[in-house]
Structure formats: structure tokens, C-alpha cells
Amino acid sequence: FKLILIMASLTDDKEEIEKGIDDEKNRTRVIALAVREAMAVAFRVNQADWDAACRNILQNHLLTVEEKTTIIALLKQRESN
């Protein structure tokens, strides 16, 4: 009986780890898509396009505040170069 419980616990741990990996992959995809969208807008010429790119990032509910801040900082850095 103990062996069954240990095996069940290991299976649960493995499933948790796999779920975490899948969550991390999904998170990476969400961030990559947001960056790609912002870059597509931001690399146009005028200031309104830069503002639109930042607005798109800020309105993206799938990103955390830290992710939004980082992406916008990168866009602003690119803008000043």
C-alpha cells in the first residue's frame, strides 16, 4: 500500500512539473507574440506609431506589469537610438 502511495505521489509531482513546463512555454509564447506585435507597429516612422505600440502592450491583459514595463522600456530604448 505504501508503494502505491509513493508511486501516486511521484506521478502527481511529474504531472505538476509537466504542467509547469507547459505553462512556461505558453507564457513565452504570449510574451513573444506581444513583442512581435509591438515591434511591427513601433518600427514605423512617426511618434503616433510608437504610442500605439506602447498602448497595445499596456492593454494586453495576458502580460504581467513587469513584462509590460520591460517591453515598453525596450521599445523606448530602440526609439532613442
Protein backbone atom coordinates (compact mmCIF):
# COMPACT_ATOMS: atom_id res chain seq x y z
CA PHE A 1 0.00 0.00 0.00
CA LYS A 2 2.86 2.39 0.84
CA LEU A 3 4.44 1.70 -2.54
CA ILE A 4 1.20 2.61 -4.29
CA LEU A 5 1.00 5.88 -2.35
CA ILE A 6 4.63 6.71 -3.16
CA MET A 7 4.09 5.95 -6.85
CA ALA A 8 0.91 8.05 -6.88
CA SER A 9 2.80 10.92 -5.26
CA LEU A 10 5.60 10.69 -7.83
CA THR A 11 3.05 10.68 -10.65
CA ASP A 12 1.38 13.79 -9.20
CA ASP A 13 4.77 15.51 -8.91
CA LYS A 14 5.62 14.61 -12.51
CA GLU A 15 2.27 15.97 -13.71
CA GLU A 16 2.84 19.20 -11.75
CA ILE A 17 6.30 19.59 -13.30
CA GLU A 18 4.96 18.93 -16.80
CA LYS A 19 2.14 21.42 -16.22
CA GLY A 20 4.69 24.00 -15.07
CA ILE A 21 6.76 23.43 -18.19
CA ASP A 22 3.67 23.80 -20.39
CA ASP A 23 2.69 26.98 -18.51
CA GLU A 24 6.19 28.36 -19.06
CA LYS A 25 6.04 27.57 -22.78
CA ASN A 26 2.65 29.29 -23.03
CA ARG A 27 3.98 32.30 -21.12
CA THR A 28 6.91 32.53 -23.52
CA ARG A 29 4.55 32.43 -26.49
CA VAL A 30 2.34 35.16 -25.03
CA ILE A 31 5.33 37.43 -24.48
CA ALA A 32 6.82 36.70 -27.90
CA LEU A 33 3.54 37.49 -29.65
CA ALA A 34 3.14 40.73 -27.71
CA VAL A 35 6.68 41.80 -28.57
CA ARG A 36 6.24 40.89 -32.23
CA GLU A 37 3.01 42.89 -32.42
CA ALA A 38 4.58 45.90 -30.73
CA MET A 39 7.66 45.77 -32.92
CA ALA A 40 5.56 45.61 -36.07
CA VAL A 41 3.91 48.87 -35.04
CA ALA A 42 6.94 50.51 -33.44
CA PHE A 43 9.29 50.23 -36.38
CA ARG A 44 7.15 52.57 -38.44
CA VAL A 45 8.30 56.14 -38.65
CA ASN A 46 6.10 58.52 -36.68
CA GLN A 47 5.51 59.12 -32.97
CA ALA A 48 1.87 58.02 -33.18
CA ASP A 49 3.08 54.54 -34.15
CA TRP A 50 5.35 54.40 -31.10
CA ASP A 51 2.48 55.49 -28.90
CA ALA A 52 0.22 52.85 -30.47
CA ALA A 53 2.83 50.15 -29.85
CA CYS A 54 3.08 51.11 -26.17
CA ARG A 55 -0.69 51.30 -25.86
CA ASN A 56 -1.04 47.79 -27.32
CA ILE A 57 1.37 46.45 -24.73
CA LEU A 58 -0.35 48.24 -21.85
CA GLN A 59 -3.75 46.91 -22.91
CA ASN A 60 -2.55 43.30 -23.22
CA HIS A 61 -4.21 41.55 -20.27
CA LEU A 62 -2.10 38.42 -20.73
CA LEU A 63 1.11 40.21 -19.72
CA THR A 64 2.22 40.97 -16.18
CA VAL A 65 3.04 44.53 -15.15
CA GLU A 66 6.75 43.66 -15.10
CA GLU A 67 6.57 42.22 -18.62
CA LYS A 68 4.74 45.30 -19.90
CA THR A 69 7.30 47.61 -18.30
CA THR A 70 10.23 45.68 -19.75
CA ILE A 71 8.81 45.57 -23.28
CA ILE A 72 7.99 49.29 -23.23
CA ALA A 73 11.47 50.11 -21.91
CA LEU A 74 12.96 48.14 -24.80
CA LEU A 75 10.74 49.98 -27.27
CA LYS A 76 11.70 53.35 -25.79
CA GLN A 77 15.38 52.37 -25.93
CA ARG A 78 15.00 51.46 -29.60
CA GLU A 79 13.16 54.74 -30.23
CA SER A 80 16.03 56.80 -28.84
CA ASN A 81 18.69 55.03 -30.96
